[in-house]
């Protein structure tokens, strides 16, 4: 499986401005989430099997 990002409204993801949520699916071992703009509106989604890529690209800080 490959990593993909789907921006819904012709937006471009800006990790300095936008934020994401991330959920892990243990059924297929994939991380999924939505991308939100600065007003909190969902503007895209993503999927990746690689948590290190998500942390680096989206600047996610994992919680314990």
PDB file of N, CA and C in Angstrom:
ATOM      1  N   UNK A   1       0.829  -1.176   0.000  1.00  0.00           N
ATOM      2  CA  UNK A   1       0.000   0.000   0.000  1.00  0.00           C
ATOM      3  C   UNK A   1       0.877   1.244   0.000  1.00  0.00           C
ATOM      4  N   UNK A   2       0.463   2.216  -0.749  1.00  0.00           N
ATOM      5  CA  UNK A   2       1.201   3.469  -0.837  1.00  0.00           C
ATOM      6  C   UNK A   2       0.547   4.547   0.013  1.00  0.00           C
ATOM      7  N   UNK A   3       1.311   5.558   0.321  1.00  0.00           N
ATOM      8  CA  UNK A   3       0.804   6.737   1.005  1.00  0.00           C
ATOM      9  C   UNK A   3       0.108   7.627  -0.013  1.00  0.00           C
ATOM     10  N   UNK A   4      -1.043   8.184   0.357  1.00  0.00           N
ATOM     11  CA  UNK A   4      -1.694   9.133  -0.539  1.00  0.00           C
ATOM     12  C   UNK A   4      -2.354  10.254   0.251  1.00  0.00           C
ATOM     13  N   UNK A   5      -2.483  11.395  -0.389  1.00  0.00           N
ATOM     14  CA  UNK A   5      -3.159  12.568   0.160  1.00  0.00           C
ATOM     15  C   UNK A   5      -4.198  13.004  -0.857  1.00  0.00           C
ATOM     16  N   UNK A   6      -5.409  13.266  -0.395  1.00  0.00           N
ATOM     17  CA  UNK A   6      -6.500  13.710  -1.263  1.00  0.00           C
ATOM     18  C   UNK A   6      -7.007  15.057  -0.742  1.00  0.00           C
ATOM     19  N   UNK A   7      -6.688  16.109  -1.477  1.00  0.00           N
ATOM     20  CA  UNK A   7      -7.186  17.444  -1.125  1.00  0.00           C
ATOM     21  C   UNK A   7      -8.503  17.649  -1.873  1.00  0.00           C
ATOM     22  N   UNK A   8      -9.570  18.007  -1.159  1.00  0.00           N
ATOM     23  CA  UNK A   8     -10.915  17.999  -1.716  1.00  0.00           C
ATOM     24  C   UNK A   8     -11.290  19.238  -2.508  1.00  0.00           C
ATOM     25  N   UNK A   9     -10.758  20.380  -2.170  1.00  0.00           N
ATOM     26  CA  UNK A   9     -11.230  21.638  -2.762  1.00  0.00           C
ATOM     27  C   UNK A   9     -10.131  22.376  -3.507  1.00  0.00           C
ATOM     28  N   UNK A  10      -9.250  21.636  -4.157  1.00  0.00           N
ATOM     29  CA  UNK A  10      -8.133  22.249  -4.887  1.00  0.00           C
ATOM     30  C   UNK A  10      -7.193  23.028  -3.962  1.00  0.00           C
ATOM     31  N   UNK A  11      -7.275  22.749  -2.651  1.00  0.00           N
ATOM     32  CA  UNK A  11      -6.357  23.362  -1.697  1.00  0.00           C
ATOM     33  C   UNK A  11      -4.997  22.686  -1.796  1.00  0.00           C
ATOM     34  N   UNK A  12      -3.997  23.336  -1.277  1.00  0.00           N
ATOM     35  CA  UNK A  12      -2.660  22.771  -1.143  1.00  0.00           C
ATOM     36  C   UNK A  12      -2.352  22.675   0.339  1.00  0.00           C
ATOM     37  N   UNK A  13      -1.905  21.512   0.788  1.00  0.00           N
ATOM     38  CA  UNK A  13      -1.626  21.328   2.207  1.00  0.00           C
ATOM     39  C   UNK A  13      -0.413  22.133   2.626  1.00  0.00           C
ATOM     40  N   UNK A  14      -0.562  22.867   3.719  1.00  0.00           N
ATOM     41  CA  UNK A  14       0.527  23.650   4.302  1.00  0.00           C
ATOM     42  C   UNK A  14       0.688  23.214   5.756  1.00  0.00           C
ATOM     43  N   UNK A  15       1.718  22.404   6.083  1.00  0.00           N
ATOM     44  CA  UNK A  15       1.854  21.883   7.444  1.00  0.00           C
ATOM     45  C   UNK A  15       2.066  22.962   8.496  1.00  0.00           C
ATOM     46  N   UNK A  16       2.466  24.153   8.095  1.00  0.00           N
ATOM     47  CA  UNK A  16       2.636  25.247   9.057  1.00  0.00           C
ATOM     48  C   UNK A  16       1.292  25.894   9.405  1.00  0.00           C
ATOM     49  N   UNK A  17       0.302  25.722   8.537  1.00  0.00           N
ATOM     50  CA  UNK A  17      -0.981  26.392   8.706  1.00  0.00           C
ATOM     51  C   UNK A  17      -2.120  25.424   9.025  1.00  0.00           C
ATOM     52  N   UNK A  18      -2.086  24.229   8.452  1.00  0.00           N
ATOM     53  CA  UNK A  18      -3.168  23.266   8.611  1.00  0.00           C
ATOM     54  C   UNK A  18      -2.817  22.219   9.655  1.00  0.00           C
ATOM     55  N   UNK A  19      -3.834  21.534  10.158  1.00  0.00           N
ATOM     56  CA  UNK A  19      -3.582  20.456  11.115  1.00  0.00           C
ATOM     57  C   UNK A  19      -4.337  19.208  10.681  1.00  0.00           C
ATOM     58  N   UNK A  20      -3.989  18.085  11.288  1.00  0.00           N
ATOM     59  CA  UNK A  20      -4.567  16.793  10.924  1.00  0.00           C
ATOM     60  C   UNK A  20      -4.959  16.028  12.181  1.00  0.00           C
ATOM     61  N   UNK A  21      -5.842  15.063  12.001  1.00  0.00           N
ATOM     62  CA  UNK A  21      -6.046  14.039  13.014  1.00  0.00           C
ATOM     63  C   UNK A  21      -5.596  12.717  12.411  1.00  0.00           C
ATOM     64  N   UNK A  22      -5.178  11.790  13.256  1.00  0.00           N
ATOM     65  CA  UNK A  22      -4.639  10.513  12.765  1.00  0.00           C
ATOM     66  C   UNK A  22      -5.263   9.382  13.583  1.00  0.00           C
ATOM     67  N   UNK A  23      -5.729   8.365  12.875  1.00  0.00           N
ATOM     68  CA  UNK A  23      -6.289   7.179  13.504  1.00  0.00           C
ATOM     69  C   UNK A  23      -5.618   5.952  12.905  1.00  0.00           C
ATOM     70  N   UNK A  24      -5.370   4.941  13.742  1.00  0.00           N
ATOM     71  CA  UNK A  24      -4.758   3.705  13.271  1.00  0.00           C
ATOM     72  C   UNK A  24      -5.829   2.636  13.155  1.00  0.00           C
ATOM     73  N   UNK A  25      -5.878   1.964  12.011  1.00  0.00           N
ATOM     74  CA  UNK A  25      -6.795   0.851  11.796  1.00  0.00           C
ATOM     75  C   UNK A  25      -6.023  -0.454  11.955  1.00  0.00           C
ATOM     76  N   UNK A  26      -6.321  -1.184  13.011  1.00  0.00           N
ATOM     77  CA  UNK A  26      -5.603  -2.442  13.218  1.00  0.00           C
ATOM     78  C   UNK A  26      -6.139  -3.561  12.315  1.00  0.00           C
ATOM     79  N   UNK A  27      -7.249  -3.325  11.632  1.00  0.00           N
ATOM     80  CA  UNK A  27      -7.777  -4.320  10.698  1.00  0.00           C
ATOM     81  C   UNK A  27      -6.877  -4.470   9.473  1.00  0.00           C
ATOM     82  N   UNK A  28      -6.320  -3.331   8.995  1.00  0.00           N
ATOM     83  CA  UNK A  28      -5.441  -3.386   7.824  1.00  0.00           C
ATOM     84  C   UNK A  28      -4.088  -2.699   8.051  1.00  0.00           C
ATOM     85  N   UNK A  29      -3.791  -2.334   9.309  1.00  0.00           N
ATOM     86  CA  UNK A  29      -2.502  -1.753   9.705  1.00  0.00           C
ATOM     87  C   UNK A  29      -2.157  -0.489   8.907  1.00  0.00           C
ATOM     88  N   UNK A  30      -3.111   0.425   8.833  1.00  0.00           N
ATOM     89  CA  UNK A  30      -2.942   1.665   8.084  1.00  0.00           C
ATOM     90  C   UNK A  30      -3.365   2.838   8.968  1.00  0.00           C
ATOM     91  N   UNK A  31      -2.633   3.944   8.828  1.00  0.00           N
ATOM     92  CA  UNK A  31      -2.996   5.193   9.489  1.00  0.00           C
ATOM     93  C   UNK A  31      -3.836   6.017   8.526  1.00  0.00           C
ATOM     94  N   UNK A  32      -4.919   6.592   9.028  1.00  0.00           N
ATOM     95  CA  UNK A  32      -5.790   7.443   8.219  1.00  0.00           C
ATOM     96  C   UNK A  32      -6.131   8.693   9.008  1.00  0.00           C
ATOM     97  N   UNK A  33      -6.458   9.743   8.287  1.00  0.00           N
ATOM     98  CA  UNK A  33      -6.872  10.951   8.974  1.00  0.00           C
ATOM     99  C   UNK A  33      -7.399  12.000   8.026  1.00  0.00           C
ATOM    100  N   UNK A  34      -7.882  13.075   8.613  1.00  0.00           N
ATOM    101  CA  UNK A  34      -8.389  14.209   7.857  1.00  0.00           C
ATOM    102  C   UNK A  34      -7.443  15.389   7.999  1.00  0.00           C
ATOM    103  N   UNK A  35      -7.485  16.266   7.024  1.00  0.00           N
ATOM    104  CA  UNK A  35      -6.691  17.493   7.020  1.00  0.00           C
ATOM    105  C   UNK A  35      -7.662  18.657   7.190  1.00  0.00           C
ATOM    106  N   UNK A  36      -7.345  19.581   8.099  1.00  0.00           N
ATOM    107  CA  UNK A  36      -8.223  20.704   8.412  1.00  0.00           C
ATOM    108  C   UNK A  36      -7.517  22.025   8.145  1.00  0.00           C
ATOM    109  N   UNK A  37      -8.282  23.006   7.665  1.00  0.00           N
ATOM    110  CA  UNK A  37      -7.695  24.333   7.472  1.00  0.00           C
ATOM    111  C   UNK A  37      -7.691  25.093   8.795  1.00  0.00           C
ATOM    112  N   UNK A  38      -7.248  26.328   8.759  1.00  0.00           N
ATOM    113  CA  UNK A  38      -7.105  27.111   9.985  1.00  0.00           C
ATOM    114  C   UNK A  38      -8.428  27.429  10.659  1.00  0.00           C
ATOM    115  N   UNK A  39      -9.554  27.304   9.945  1.00  0.00           N
ATOM    116  CA  UNK A  39     -10.867  27.541  10.550  1.00  0.00           C
ATOM    117  C   UNK A  39     -11.500  26.260  11.076  1.00  0.00           C
ATOM    118  N   UNK A  40     -10.844  25.117  10.865  1.00  0.00           N
ATOM    119  CA  UNK A  40     -11.354  23.847  11.348  1.00  0.00           C
ATOM    120  C   UNK A  40     -12.176  23.081  10.331  1.00  0.00           C
ATOM    121  N   UNK A  41     -12.277  23.575   9.121  1.00  0.00           N
ATOM    122  CA  UNK A  41     -13.019  22.899   8.056  1.00  0.00           C
ATOM    123  C   UNK A  41     -12.167  21.783   7.466  1.00  0.00           C
ATOM    124  N   UNK A  42     -12.748  20.591   7.313  1.00  0.00           N
ATOM    125  CA  UNK A  42     -12.033  19.480   6.683  1.00  0.00           C
ATOM    126  C   UNK A  42     -11.836  19.794   5.205  1.00  0.00           C
ATOM    127  N   UNK A  43     -10.570  19.711   4.746  1.00  0.00           N
ATOM    128  CA  UNK A  43     -10.259  20.052   3.359  1.00  0.00           C
ATOM    129  C   UNK A  43      -9.582  18.902   2.617  1.00  0.00           C
ATOM    130  N   UNK A  44      -9.397  17.761   3.285  1.00  0.00           N
ATOM    131  CA  UNK A  44      -8.768  16.626   2.634  1.00  0.00           C
ATOM    132  C   UNK A  44      -8.604  15.466   3.585  1.00  0.00           C
ATOM    133  N   UNK A  45      -8.044  14.381   3.066  1.00  0.00           N
ATOM    134  CA  UNK A  45      -7.740  13.236   3.906  1.00  0.00           C
ATOM    135  C   UNK A  45      -6.483  12.548   3.390  1.00  0.00           C
ATOM    136  N   UNK A  46      -5.993  11.602   4.178  1.00  0.00           N
ATOM    137  CA  UNK A  46      -4.760  10.908   3.815  1.00  0.00           C
ATOM    138  C   UNK A  46      -4.790   9.490   4.360  1.00  0.00           C
ATOM    139  N   UNK A  47      -3.887   8.670   3.835  1.00  0.00           N
ATOM    140  CA  UNK A  47      -3.738   7.286   4.263  1.00  0.00           C
ATOM    141  C   UNK A  47      -2.280   6.890   4.086  1.00  0.00           C
ATOM    142  N   UNK A  48      -1.716   6.201   5.080  1.00  0.00           N
ATOM    143  CA  UNK A  48      -0.327   5.770   4.990  1.00  0.00           C
ATOM    144  C   UNK A  48      -0.067   4.605   5.935  1.00  0.00           C
ATOM    145  N   UNK A  49       0.755   3.651   5.513  1.00  0.00           N
ATOM    146  CA  UNK A  49       1.165   2.582   6.413  1.00  0.00           C
ATOM    147  C   UNK A  49       2.378   2.980   7.269  1.00  0.00           C
ATOM    148  N   UNK A  50       2.922   4.170   7.050  1.00  0.00           N
ATOM    149  CA  UNK A  50       4.189   4.581   7.648  1.00  0.00           C
ATOM    150  C   UNK A  50       3.994   5.724   8.641  1.00  0.00           C
ATOM    151  N   UNK A  51       4.052   5.423   9.931  1.00  0.00           N
ATOM    152  CA  UNK A  51       3.850   6.461  10.951  1.00  0.00           C
ATOM    153  C   UNK A  51       4.991   7.474  10.981  1.00  0.00           C
ATOM    154  N   UNK A  52       6.199   7.059  10.641  1.00  0.00           N
ATOM    155  CA  UNK A  52       7.340   7.991  10.604  1.00  0.00           C
ATOM    156  C   UNK A  52       7.140   9.037   9.512  1.00  0.00           C
ATOM    157  N   UNK A  53       6.610   8.633   8.364  1.00  0.00           N
ATOM    158  CA  UNK A  53       6.326   9.582   7.281  1.00  0.00           C
ATOM    159  C   UNK A  53       5.257  10.587   7.727  1.00  0.00           C
ATOM    160  N   UNK A  54       4.221  10.094   8.398  1.00  0.00           N
ATOM    161  CA  UNK A  54       3.155  10.982   8.878  1.00  0.00           C
ATOM    162  C   UNK A  54       3.717  11.991   9.865  1.00  0.00           C
ATOM    163  N   UNK A  55       4.522  11.535  10.804  1.00  0.00           N
ATOM    164  CA  UNK A  55       5.098  12.434  11.805  1.00  0.00           C
ATOM    165  C   UNK A  55       5.976  13.500  11.156  1.00  0.00           C
ATOM    166  N   UNK A  56       6.761  13.130  10.194  1.00  0.00           N
ATOM    167  CA  UNK A  56       7.670  14.058   9.524  1.00  0.00           C
ATOM    168  C   UNK A  56       6.915  15.020   8.601  1.00  0.00           C
ATOM    169  N   UNK A  57       6.005  14.501   7.780  1.00  0.00           N
ATOM    170  CA  UNK A  57       5.335  15.328   6.786  1.00  0.00           C
ATOM    171  C   UNK A  57       4.279  16.240   7.407  1.00  0.00           C
ATOM    172  N   UNK A  58       3.501  15.717   8.352  1.00  0.00           N
ATOM    173  CA  UNK A  58       2.417  16.474   8.955  1.00  0.00           C
ATOM    174  C   UNK A  58       2.804  17.142  10.264  1.00  0.00           C
ATOM    175  N   UNK A  59       4.038  16.899  10.731  1.00  0.00           N
ATOM    176  CA  UNK A  59       4.501  17.449  12.012  1.00  0.00           C
ATOM    177  C   UNK A  59       3.597  17.028  13.164  1.00  0.00           C
ATOM    178  N   UNK A  60       3.252  15.748  13.177  1.00  0.00           N
ATOM    179  CA  UNK A  60       2.416  15.169  14.227  1.00  0.00           C
ATOM    180  C   UNK A  60       3.302  14.788  15.394  1.00  0.00           C
ATOM    181  N   UNK A  61       2.833  15.064  16.601  1.00  0.00           N
ATOM    182  CA  UNK A  61       3.500  14.614  17.818  1.00  0.00           C
ATOM    183  C   UNK A  61       2.611  13.554  18.455  1.00  0.00           C
ATOM    184  N   UNK A  62       3.096  12.321  18.505  1.00  0.00           N
ATOM    185  CA  UNK A  62       2.316  11.217  19.038  1.00  0.00           C
ATOM    186  C   UNK A  62       2.190  11.320  20.544  1.00  0.00           C
ATOM    187  N   UNK A  63       1.028  10.953  21.070  1.00  0.00           N
ATOM    188  CA  UNK A  63       0.795  10.944  22.508  1.00  0.00           C
ATOM    189  C   UNK A  63       1.046   9.557  23.052  1.00  0.00           C
ATOM    190  N   UNK A  64       1.413   9.492  24.320  1.00  0.00           N
ATOM    191  CA  UNK A  64       1.610   8.186  24.983  1.00  0.00           C
ATOM    192  C   UNK A  64       0.288   7.600  25.396  1.00  0.00           C
TER     193      UNK A  64
END
